[in-house]
N, C-alpha and C. Protein backbone atom coordinates (compact mmCIF):
# COMPACT_ATOMS: atom_id res chain seq x y z
N UNK A 1 9.02 14.32 -0.82
CA UNK A 1 9.25 12.93 -0.78
C UNK A 1 8.42 12.40 0.36
N UNK A 2 7.68 11.14 0.30
CA UNK A 2 6.85 10.89 1.19
C UNK A 2 6.49 9.41 1.17
N UNK A 3 6.60 8.47 2.42
CA UNK A 3 6.48 7.31 2.23
C UNK A 3 4.89 6.85 3.01
N UNK A 4 4.13 5.90 2.37
CA UNK A 4 2.81 5.69 2.69
C UNK A 4 2.81 4.06 2.71
N UNK A 5 2.10 3.76 3.84
CA UNK A 5 1.99 2.40 4.13
C UNK A 5 0.54 2.16 3.98
N UNK A 6 -0.05 1.20 3.27
CA UNK A 6 -1.33 0.66 3.25
C UNK A 6 -1.62 -0.69 3.62
N UNK A 7 -2.50 -1.06 4.57
CA UNK A 7 -2.88 -2.34 5.03
C UNK A 7 -4.46 -2.67 4.89
N UNK A 8 -4.59 -3.91 4.45
CA UNK A 8 -6.04 -4.12 4.35
C UNK A 8 -6.21 -5.77 4.27
N UNK A 9 -7.56 -6.08 4.61
CA UNK A 9 -7.53 -7.98 4.53
C UNK A 9 -8.73 -7.79 3.28
N UNK A 10 -8.61 -9.09 2.53
CA UNK A 10 -9.18 -9.32 1.44
C UNK A 10 -10.09 -10.49 1.79
N UNK A 11 -11.35 -10.46 1.22
CA UNK A 11 -12.51 -11.71 1.64
C UNK A 11 -11.30 -13.14 0.86
N UNK A 12 -11.62 -14.12 1.64
CA UNK A 12 -10.82 -15.10 1.39
C UNK A 12 -11.22 -15.65 -0.41
N UNK A 13 -12.26 -15.35 -0.70
CA UNK A 13 -12.61 -16.05 -2.23
C UNK A 13 -12.19 -14.74 -3.06
N UNK A 14 -11.41 -13.94 -2.62
CA UNK A 14 -10.95 -12.81 -3.58
C UNK A 14 -9.58 -12.68 -3.62
N UNK A 15 -8.82 -13.42 -2.83
CA UNK A 15 -7.40 -13.11 -2.53
C UNK A 15 -6.73 -13.51 -3.92
N UNK A 16 -6.91 -14.22 -4.59
CA UNK A 16 -6.35 -14.54 -5.92
C UNK A 16 -6.67 -13.30 -6.87
N UNK A 17 -7.73 -12.82 -6.94
CA UNK A 17 -8.09 -11.86 -7.90
C UNK A 17 -7.30 -10.45 -7.51
N UNK A 18 -7.47 -10.27 -6.19
CA UNK A 18 -6.33 -9.17 -5.57
C UNK A 18 -4.95 -9.42 -6.10
N UNK A 19 -4.60 -10.64 -5.78
CA UNK A 19 -3.07 -10.73 -5.98
C UNK A 19 -2.90 -10.47 -7.68
N UNK A 20 -4.02 -10.87 -8.48
CA UNK A 20 -3.57 -11.00 -10.10
C UNK A 20 -3.66 -9.26 -10.14
N UNK A 21 -4.61 -8.54 -9.54
CA UNK A 21 -4.41 -7.31 -9.76
C UNK A 21 -3.38 -6.49 -9.30
N UNK A 22 -2.71 -6.84 -8.43
CA UNK A 22 -1.22 -6.14 -7.97
C UNK A 22 -0.34 -6.73 -8.98
N UNK A 23 -0.34 -8.03 -9.22
CA UNK A 23 0.87 -8.19 -10.16
C UNK A 23 0.53 -7.15 -11.59
N UNK A 24 -0.66 -6.97 -12.10
CA UNK A 24 -0.65 -6.27 -13.03
C UNK A 24 -0.15 -5.05 -12.75
N UNK A 25 -0.15 -4.56 -11.83
CA UNK A 25 0.13 -3.16 -11.46
C UNK A 25 1.84 -3.09 -11.65
N UNK A 26 2.54 -4.17 -10.94
CA UNK A 26 3.80 -4.21 -11.16
C UNK A 26 4.37 -4.44 -12.47
N UNK A 27 3.46 -5.05 -13.33
CA UNK A 27 3.97 -5.46 -14.98
C UNK A 27 4.04 -4.19 -15.65
N UNK A 28 3.08 -3.56 -15.37
CA UNK A 28 2.67 -2.40 -16.05
C UNK A 28 3.95 -1.19 -15.30
N UNK A 29 4.12 -1.19 -14.21
CA UNK A 29 5.27 -0.40 -13.79
C UNK A 29 6.63 -0.72 -14.33
N UNK A 30 6.90 -2.01 -14.78
CA UNK A 30 8.17 -2.49 -15.19
C UNK A 30 7.80 -1.89 -16.72
N UNK A 31 6.93 -2.34 -17.36
CA UNK A 31 6.85 -1.64 -18.73
C UNK A 31 7.10 -0.13 -18.96
N UNK A 32 6.33 0.71 -17.87
CA UNK A 32 6.54 2.22 -18.07
C UNK A 32 7.60 2.81 -17.41
N UNK A 33 8.05 2.17 -16.41
CA UNK A 33 9.06 2.69 -15.58
C UNK A 33 9.02 4.29 -15.25
N UNK A 34 7.72 4.76 -14.52
CA UNK A 34 7.73 6.10 -14.45
C UNK A 34 8.53 6.80 -13.71
N UNK A 35 9.48 6.36 -12.97
CA UNK A 35 10.55 6.82 -12.13
C UNK A 35 9.79 7.61 -10.66
N UNK A 36 10.47 7.71 -10.02
CA UNK A 36 10.03 8.63 -8.50
C UNK A 36 9.35 7.61 -7.68
N UNK A 37 9.28 6.49 -7.75
CA UNK A 37 8.55 5.64 -7.05
C UNK A 37 9.50 4.45 -6.59
N UNK A 38 9.36 3.89 -5.40
CA UNK A 38 9.73 2.60 -5.06
C UNK A 38 8.31 2.05 -4.09
N UNK A 39 8.18 0.82 -4.62
CA UNK A 39 7.16 0.39 -4.17
C UNK A 39 7.23 -1.25 -3.92
N UNK A 40 6.64 -1.71 -2.87
CA UNK A 40 6.48 -2.93 -2.79
C UNK A 40 5.29 -3.48 -1.98
N UNK A 41 4.75 -4.64 -2.43
CA UNK A 41 3.40 -5.48 -1.81
C UNK A 41 3.64 -6.78 -1.11
N UNK A 42 3.26 -7.04 -0.08
CA UNK A 42 3.24 -8.04 0.89
C UNK A 42 2.15 -8.65 1.14
N UNK A 43 2.00 -10.05 1.08
CA UNK A 43 0.96 -10.72 1.28
C UNK A 43 1.40 -11.48 2.75
N UNK A 44 0.79 -11.06 3.80
CA UNK A 44 1.14 -11.72 5.07
C UNK A 44 0.75 -13.18 5.38
N UNK A 45 1.39 -13.71 6.10
CA UNK A 45 1.12 -15.10 6.41
C UNK A 45 -0.41 -15.55 6.44
N UNK A 46 -1.28 -14.80 7.08
CA UNK A 46 -2.58 -15.21 7.03
C UNK A 46 -3.26 -15.20 5.84
N UNK A 47 -2.54 -14.89 4.95
CA UNK A 47 -2.98 -15.27 3.42
C UNK A 47 -4.29 -14.26 2.73
N UNK A 48 -4.74 -13.42 3.78
CA UNK A 48 -5.85 -12.28 3.46
C UNK A 48 -5.43 -10.89 3.71
N UNK A 49 -4.27 -10.73 4.27
CA UNK A 49 -3.68 -9.35 4.63
C UNK A 49 -2.58 -9.05 3.75
N UNK A 50 -2.91 -7.75 3.02
CA UNK A 50 -1.81 -7.22 2.33
C UNK A 50 -1.42 -5.79 2.64
N UNK A 51 -0.26 -5.74 2.51
CA UNK A 51 0.47 -4.40 2.98
C UNK A 51 1.16 -3.77 1.97
N UNK A 52 0.96 -2.54 1.28
CA UNK A 52 1.60 -1.68 0.46
C UNK A 52 2.58 -0.85 1.16
N UNK A 53 3.76 -0.71 0.64
CA UNK A 53 4.79 0.45 1.10
C UNK A 53 5.15 1.10 -0.26
N UNK A 54 4.77 2.42 -0.17
CA UNK A 54 5.46 3.24 -1.45
C UNK A 54 6.01 4.31 -0.73
N UNK A 55 7.20 4.51 -1.42
CA UNK A 55 8.23 6.01 -1.38
C UNK A 55 8.11 6.56 -2.63
N UNK A 56 7.54 8.03 -2.26
CA UNK A 56 7.62 9.00 -3.33
C UNK A 56 8.56 10.06 -3.63
N UNK A 57 9.21 10.06 -4.69
CA UNK A 57 10.34 10.96 -4.64
C UNK A 57 10.26 11.51 -6.05
N UNK A 58 9.24 12.29 -6.25
CA UNK A 58 9.14 13.11 -7.67
C UNK A 58 9.37 14.55 -7.52
N UNK A 59 9.64 15.43 -8.27
CA UNK A 59 10.06 16.79 -8.17
C UNK A 59 8.65 17.63 -7.38
N UNK A 60 7.45 17.26 -8.19
CA UNK A 60 6.34 17.72 -7.69
C UNK A 60 5.62 17.14 -6.57
N UNK A 61 6.02 16.00 -6.01
CA UNK A 61 5.66 15.32 -4.89
C UNK A 61 4.20 14.44 -5.28
N UNK A 62 4.06 14.33 -6.62
CA UNK A 62 2.76 13.44 -7.26
C UNK A 62 3.16 12.17 -7.14
N UNK A 63 2.09 11.23 -7.04
CA UNK A 63 2.29 9.90 -7.00
C UNK A 63 2.24 9.32 -8.57
N UNK A 64 3.31 8.52 -8.81
CA UNK A 64 3.32 7.97 -10.17
C UNK A 64 2.38 7.06 -10.19
N UNK A 65 1.72 6.29 -9.33
CA UNK A 65 0.88 5.12 -9.49
C UNK A 65 -0.63 5.89 -10.00
N UNK A 66 -0.95 6.81 -9.74
CA UNK A 66 -2.15 7.54 -10.05
C UNK A 66 -2.05 7.67 -11.89
N UNK A 67 -0.69 7.34 -12.38
CA UNK A 67 -0.68 7.49 -13.99
C UNK A 67 -0.75 5.86 -14.47
N UNK A 68 -0.80 5.05 -13.60
CA UNK A 68 -0.91 3.64 -13.94
C UNK A 68 -2.36 2.98 -14.16
N UNK A 69 -2.69 2.47 -15.58
CA UNK A 69 -4.02 2.11 -15.86
C UNK A 69 -4.08 0.84 -14.72
N UNK A 70 -3.44 0.00 -14.54
CA UNK A 70 -3.47 -1.24 -13.75
C UNK A 70 -3.67 -0.81 -12.31
N UNK A 71 -3.26 0.39 -11.96
CA UNK A 71 -3.60 0.52 -10.54
C UNK A 71 -4.80 1.01 -10.43
N UNK A 72 -5.41 1.82 -11.31
CA UNK A 72 -6.65 2.32 -11.45
C UNK A 72 -7.69 1.09 -11.41
N UNK A 73 -7.30 0.14 -12.14
CA UNK A 73 -8.16 -1.11 -12.26
C UNK A 73 -8.45 -1.69 -10.81
N UNK A 74 -7.01 -2.04 -10.22
CA UNK A 74 -6.74 -2.70 -8.96
C UNK A 74 -7.61 -1.63 -7.89
N UNK A 75 -7.59 -0.52 -7.87
CA UNK A 75 -8.32 0.48 -6.73
C UNK A 75 -9.88 0.41 -7.23
N UNK A 76 -10.51 0.15 -8.44
CA UNK A 76 -11.73 0.23 -8.72
C UNK A 76 -12.67 -0.51 -7.86
N UNK A 77 -12.56 -1.56 -7.48
CA UNK A 77 -13.53 -2.22 -6.67
C UNK A 77 -13.00 -2.79 -5.41
N UNK A 78 -12.02 -2.07 -4.97
CA UNK A 78 -11.37 -2.80 -3.81
C UNK A 78 -12.15 -2.92 -2.65
N UNK A 79 -13.17 -1.78 -2.24
CA UNK A 79 -13.94 -1.90 -1.38
C UNK A 79 -14.86 -3.32 -1.16
N UNK A 80 -15.46 -3.76 -2.44
CA UNK A 80 -15.94 -4.98 -2.69
C UNK A 80 -15.14 -6.12 -2.31
N UNK A 81 -13.82 -6.04 -2.72
CA UNK A 81 -13.01 -7.20 -2.07
C UNK A 81 -12.71 -7.47 -0.79
N UNK A 82 -12.75 -6.38 0.00
CA UNK A 82 -12.19 -6.26 1.34
C UNK A 82 -12.95 -6.63 2.34
N UNK A 83 -12.59 -7.54 3.42
CA UNK A 83 -13.04 -7.52 4.81
C UNK A 83 -12.92 -6.51 5.86
N UNK A 84 -11.55 -5.97 5.40
CA UNK A 84 -11.27 -4.73 6.19
C UNK A 84 -10.83 -3.90 5.16
N UNK A 85 -11.39 -2.59 4.99
CA UNK A 85 -10.99 -1.71 4.22
C UNK A 85 -9.51 -1.10 4.38
N UNK A 86 -9.00 -0.53 3.37
CA UNK A 86 -7.60 0.01 3.11
C UNK A 86 -7.45 1.32 4.21
N UNK A 87 -6.68 0.95 5.14
CA UNK A 87 -6.02 2.35 5.85
C UNK A 87 -4.60 2.70 5.44
N UNK A 88 -4.53 3.79 4.84
CA UNK A 88 -3.30 4.48 4.59
C UNK A 88 -2.82 5.31 5.43
N UNK A 89 -1.48 5.08 5.88
CA UNK A 89 -0.73 5.95 6.78
C UNK A 89 0.63 6.32 6.42
N UNK A 90 0.74 7.85 6.57
CA UNK A 90 1.88 8.42 6.31
C UNK A 90 3.07 7.82 7.02
N UNK A 91 4.34 7.36 6.55
CA UNK A 91 5.13 6.77 7.35
C UNK A 91 6.82 7.69 7.15
N UNK A 92 7.33 7.29 8.14
CA UNK A 92 8.83 8.05 8.09
C UNK A 92 9.90 6.97 8.22
N UNK A 93 10.75 7.04 7.35
CA UNK A 93 11.78 5.85 7.16
C UNK A 93 12.57 6.04 8.44
N UNK A 94 12.99 4.99 9.22
CA UNK A 94 13.92 5.25 10.19
C UNK A 94 15.31 4.63 9.74
N UNK A 95 15.20 3.53 9.05
CA UNK A 95 16.47 2.92 8.36
C UNK A 95 15.67 1.81 7.22
N UNK A 96 16.51 1.69 6.56
CA UNK A 96 15.97 0.75 5.38
C UNK A 96 17.41 0.40 4.83
N UNK A 97 17.11 -0.90 4.23
CA UNK A 97 18.38 -1.57 3.56
C UNK A 97 17.93 -1.98 2.19
N UNK A 98 18.14 -1.04 1.27
CA UNK A 98 17.74 -1.54 -0.12
C UNK A 98 16.14 -1.41 -0.58
N UNK A 99 15.27 -0.79 0.55
CA UNK A 99 13.85 -0.91 0.00
C UNK A 99 13.44 0.34 -0.12
N UNK A 100 13.78 1.37 0.63
CA UNK A 100 13.15 2.70 0.61
C UNK A 100 14.11 3.70 0.63
N UNK A 101 13.96 4.88 -0.02
CA UNK A 101 15.14 5.88 0.18
C UNK A 101 14.85 6.40 1.73
N UNK A 102 15.92 7.02 2.51
CA UNK A 102 16.21 7.40 3.69
C UNK A 102 16.07 9.11 3.62
N UNK A 103 15.09 9.70 4.37
CA UNK A 103 14.69 11.17 4.28
C UNK A 103 15.69 11.72 5.48
């Protein structure tokens, strides 16, 4: 099991596009229900910063997002949409209330 936090800033003129792409990922997740994944995305108060938090709990440690077509579309040109590129960091849950599993 592992937790990952990803943070990035989108160009102001691409925020709505980015949000639509993120929403498409959630729509596909809801339809396919791949299991082994807890996932949340936040748009911060500045309107251009996005934070994704994923908790992966699959038997082989694989990330179910990699099998989601909408996620592939979301990541395809993310570098072009961003003023600050995504930074992914492994994280360790200290506490959680209904958001992520605790290891």
